[in-house]
């Protein structure tokens, strides 16, 4: 399914021979052969048109961190979890 790798995708899961990627434009996940990804691709990396994009990956990590921070619920002082 090389068509899955057109545009911007994020690598979700790497296995021995396959990988799951998510198209960032649509949020749809699909499975591709691992050999279709760049050799140095890791889970969480953003791949654009078959190339690993470190800047896009860093931006995505920052976006997720900011979203998680907004959703965080502060723990009241003295509350033991």
N, C-alpha and C. Protein backbone atom coordinates (compact mmCIF):
# COMPACT_ATOMS: atom_id res chain seq x y z
N UNK A 1 0.82 -1.19 0.00
CA UNK A 1 0.00 0.00 0.00
C UNK A 1 0.87 1.25 0.00
N UNK A 2 1.64 1.42 -1.05
CA UNK A 2 2.50 2.60 -1.13
C UNK A 2 1.69 3.89 -1.11
N UNK A 3 0.44 3.85 -1.54
CA UNK A 3 -0.41 5.03 -1.51
C UNK A 3 -0.60 5.57 -0.11
N UNK A 4 -0.41 4.73 0.86
CA UNK A 4 -0.53 5.14 2.26
C UNK A 4 0.60 6.08 2.65
N UNK A 5 1.72 6.00 1.96
CA UNK A 5 2.89 6.79 2.32
C UNK A 5 2.99 8.10 1.54
N UNK A 6 1.98 8.42 0.76
CA UNK A 6 1.98 9.69 0.04
C UNK A 6 1.48 10.77 1.00
N UNK A 7 2.20 11.87 1.08
CA UNK A 7 1.82 12.92 2.00
C UNK A 7 2.51 12.72 3.34
N UNK A 8 1.87 13.23 4.39
CA UNK A 8 2.47 13.22 5.73
C UNK A 8 1.85 12.11 6.57
N UNK A 9 2.70 11.20 7.08
CA UNK A 9 2.24 10.11 7.94
C UNK A 9 3.11 10.07 9.18
N UNK A 10 2.55 9.51 10.25
CA UNK A 10 3.33 9.29 11.47
C UNK A 10 3.43 7.80 11.69
N UNK A 11 4.64 7.34 12.00
CA UNK A 11 4.88 5.92 12.26
C UNK A 11 4.36 5.62 13.66
N UNK A 12 3.40 4.73 13.75
CA UNK A 12 2.81 4.36 15.04
C UNK A 12 3.45 3.12 15.63
N UNK A 13 3.68 2.12 14.79
CA UNK A 13 4.16 0.83 15.28
C UNK A 13 5.10 0.22 14.26
N UNK A 14 6.25 -0.23 14.71
CA UNK A 14 7.19 -0.93 13.84
C UNK A 14 7.30 -2.38 14.29
N UNK A 15 7.12 -3.28 13.36
CA UNK A 15 7.32 -4.71 13.61
C UNK A 15 8.45 -5.18 12.72
N UNK A 16 8.72 -6.48 12.72
CA UNK A 16 9.83 -7.01 11.94
C UNK A 16 9.68 -6.72 10.44
N UNK A 17 8.50 -6.99 9.89
CA UNK A 17 8.33 -6.84 8.44
C UNK A 17 7.28 -5.81 8.06
N UNK A 18 6.48 -5.36 9.01
CA UNK A 18 5.41 -4.41 8.71
C UNK A 18 5.45 -3.24 9.67
N UNK A 19 4.72 -2.21 9.30
CA UNK A 19 4.61 -1.03 10.15
C UNK A 19 3.19 -0.48 10.03
N UNK A 20 2.72 0.13 11.09
CA UNK A 20 1.44 0.82 11.05
C UNK A 20 1.74 2.31 11.04
N UNK A 21 1.14 3.00 10.07
CA UNK A 21 1.31 4.45 9.97
C UNK A 21 -0.06 5.10 9.99
N UNK A 22 -0.09 6.37 10.41
CA UNK A 22 -1.33 7.13 10.46
C UNK A 22 -1.18 8.34 9.56
N UNK A 23 -2.10 8.48 8.62
CA UNK A 23 -2.10 9.67 7.75
C UNK A 23 -2.54 10.86 8.58
N UNK A 24 -1.70 11.86 8.68
CA UNK A 24 -1.98 12.99 9.56
C UNK A 24 -3.11 13.86 9.02
N UNK A 25 -3.34 13.86 7.71
CA UNK A 25 -4.42 14.65 7.15
C UNK A 25 -5.79 14.09 7.51
N UNK A 26 -5.89 12.76 7.60
CA UNK A 26 -7.19 12.12 7.80
C UNK A 26 -7.32 11.39 9.13
N UNK A 27 -6.20 11.02 9.74
CA UNK A 27 -6.24 10.23 10.97
C UNK A 27 -6.43 8.75 10.71
N UNK A 28 -6.46 8.33 9.46
CA UNK A 28 -6.65 6.91 9.13
C UNK A 28 -5.33 6.16 9.25
N UNK A 29 -5.41 5.00 9.86
CA UNK A 29 -4.24 4.14 10.02
C UNK A 29 -4.22 3.09 8.91
N UNK A 30 -3.03 2.71 8.50
CA UNK A 30 -2.90 1.61 7.55
C UNK A 30 -1.58 0.90 7.80
N UNK A 31 -1.51 -0.30 7.29
CA UNK A 31 -0.33 -1.13 7.45
C UNK A 31 0.47 -1.12 6.15
N UNK A 32 1.78 -0.96 6.27
CA UNK A 32 2.66 -0.97 5.11
C UNK A 32 3.82 -1.91 5.39
N UNK A 33 4.50 -2.31 4.35
CA UNK A 33 5.71 -3.10 4.52
C UNK A 33 6.78 -2.18 5.12
N UNK A 34 7.50 -2.69 6.08
CA UNK A 34 8.51 -1.87 6.74
C UNK A 34 9.57 -1.38 5.75
N UNK A 35 9.82 -2.18 4.73
CA UNK A 35 10.82 -1.80 3.74
C UNK A 35 10.42 -0.56 2.94
N UNK A 36 9.14 -0.17 2.99
CA UNK A 36 8.68 1.03 2.29
C UNK A 36 9.02 2.30 3.06
N UNK A 37 9.35 2.16 4.34
CA UNK A 37 9.71 3.31 5.17
C UNK A 37 11.21 3.56 5.07
N UNK A 38 11.65 4.77 5.40
CA UNK A 38 13.09 5.01 5.45
C UNK A 38 13.75 4.06 6.45
N UNK A 39 14.97 3.67 6.17
CA UNK A 39 15.68 2.71 7.02
C UNK A 39 15.80 3.20 8.45
N UNK A 40 15.97 4.51 8.64
CA UNK A 40 16.19 5.05 9.98
C UNK A 40 14.89 5.48 10.67
N UNK A 41 13.73 5.15 10.11
CA UNK A 41 12.45 5.54 10.72
C UNK A 41 12.24 4.82 12.04
N UNK A 42 11.71 5.57 13.02
CA UNK A 42 11.39 5.01 14.34
C UNK A 42 9.94 5.31 14.65
N UNK A 43 9.40 4.63 15.66
CA UNK A 43 8.04 4.91 16.09
C UNK A 43 7.95 6.37 16.53
N UNK A 44 6.91 7.04 16.08
CA UNK A 44 6.71 8.44 16.41
C UNK A 44 7.22 9.40 15.35
N UNK A 45 8.06 8.91 14.44
CA UNK A 45 8.61 9.78 13.39
C UNK A 45 7.53 10.18 12.40
N UNK A 46 7.68 11.38 11.86
CA UNK A 46 6.83 11.84 10.77
C UNK A 46 7.60 11.60 9.48
N UNK A 47 6.91 10.99 8.51
CA UNK A 47 7.50 10.70 7.21
C UNK A 47 6.68 11.45 6.16
N UNK A 48 7.37 12.20 5.31
CA UNK A 48 6.71 12.96 4.25
C UNK A 48 7.21 12.45 2.91
N UNK A 49 6.29 11.93 2.11
CA UNK A 49 6.62 11.41 0.78
C UNK A 49 7.83 10.48 0.81
N UNK A 50 7.88 9.60 1.81
CA UNK A 50 8.93 8.59 1.90
C UNK A 50 10.21 9.05 2.57
N UNK A 51 10.26 10.30 3.04
CA UNK A 51 11.46 10.80 3.72
C UNK A 51 11.14 11.13 5.17
N UNK A 52 12.05 10.76 6.06
CA UNK A 52 11.91 11.11 7.47
C UNK A 52 12.10 12.61 7.62
N UNK A 53 11.22 13.26 8.38
CA UNK A 53 11.27 14.71 8.56
C UNK A 53 11.46 15.04 10.05
N UNK A 54 12.70 15.23 10.50
CA UNK A 54 12.96 15.52 11.91
C UNK A 54 12.25 16.77 12.42
N UNK A 55 12.17 17.82 11.60
CA UNK A 55 11.52 19.06 12.04
C UNK A 55 10.03 18.84 12.26
N UNK A 56 9.39 18.13 11.34
CA UNK A 56 7.96 17.83 11.48
C UNK A 56 7.72 16.92 12.68
N UNK A 57 8.65 15.99 12.93
CA UNK A 57 8.53 15.11 14.09
C UNK A 57 8.61 15.92 15.38
N UNK A 58 9.58 16.84 15.46
CA UNK A 58 9.74 17.67 16.66
C UNK A 58 8.51 18.54 16.89
N UNK A 59 7.95 19.08 15.82
CA UNK A 59 6.74 19.90 15.94
C UNK A 59 5.57 19.06 16.43
N UNK A 60 5.45 17.85 15.92
CA UNK A 60 4.37 16.95 16.34
C UNK A 60 4.52 16.60 17.83
N UNK A 61 5.73 16.33 18.28
CA UNK A 61 5.98 16.02 19.69
C UNK A 61 5.58 17.21 20.56
N UNK A 62 5.93 18.41 20.13
CA UNK A 62 5.57 19.62 20.87
C UNK A 62 4.06 19.80 20.93
N UNK A 63 3.37 19.60 19.80
CA UNK A 63 1.91 19.73 19.76
C UNK A 63 1.24 18.76 20.74
N UNK A 64 1.72 17.53 20.77
CA UNK A 64 1.14 16.52 21.67
C UNK A 64 1.41 16.90 23.12
N UNK A 65 2.62 17.37 23.42
CA UNK A 65 2.95 17.77 24.80
C UNK A 65 2.08 18.93 25.26
N UNK A 66 1.86 19.91 24.38
CA UNK A 66 1.02 21.05 24.74
C UNK A 66 -0.43 20.62 24.95
N UNK A 67 -0.92 19.74 24.11
CA UNK A 67 -2.29 19.25 24.26
C UNK A 67 -2.45 18.47 25.57
N UNK A 68 -1.47 17.64 25.89
CA UNK A 68 -1.52 16.89 27.16
C UNK A 68 -1.49 17.83 28.35
N UNK A 69 -0.69 18.88 28.26
CA UNK A 69 -0.60 19.85 29.36
C UNK A 69 -1.93 20.55 29.56
N UNK A 70 -2.62 20.88 28.47
CA UNK A 70 -3.93 21.53 28.59
C UNK A 70 -4.97 20.61 29.21
N UNK A 71 -4.84 19.31 28.97
CA UNK A 71 -5.81 18.35 29.49
C UNK A 71 -5.49 17.88 30.91
N UNK A 72 -4.30 18.21 31.39
CA UNK A 72 -3.88 17.75 32.72
C UNK A 72 -4.76 18.37 33.81
N UNK A 73 -5.05 17.57 34.80
CA UNK A 73 -5.83 18.03 35.95
C UNK A 73 -4.87 18.21 37.11
N UNK A 74 -4.79 19.43 37.66
CA UNK A 74 -3.86 19.64 38.77
C UNK A 74 -4.30 18.87 40.02
N UNK A 75 -3.34 18.38 40.75
CA UNK A 75 -3.61 17.65 41.99
C UNK A 75 -3.62 18.66 43.13
N UNK A 76 -4.71 18.71 43.90
CA UNK A 76 -4.76 19.65 45.03
C UNK A 76 -3.66 19.35 46.04
N UNK A 77 -3.13 20.39 46.71
CA UNK A 77 -2.09 20.17 47.72
C UNK A 77 -2.59 19.23 48.82
N UNK A 78 -1.72 18.34 49.23
CA UNK A 78 -2.05 17.42 50.31
C UNK A 78 -2.74 16.14 49.86
N UNK A 79 -3.17 16.06 48.61
CA UNK A 79 -3.84 14.85 48.12
C UNK A 79 -2.79 13.83 47.73
N UNK A 80 -2.86 12.65 48.32
CA UNK A 80 -1.93 11.57 48.01
C UNK A 80 -2.54 10.69 46.93
N UNK A 81 -1.79 10.46 45.89
CA UNK A 81 -2.25 9.56 44.82
C UNK A 81 -1.52 8.26 44.87
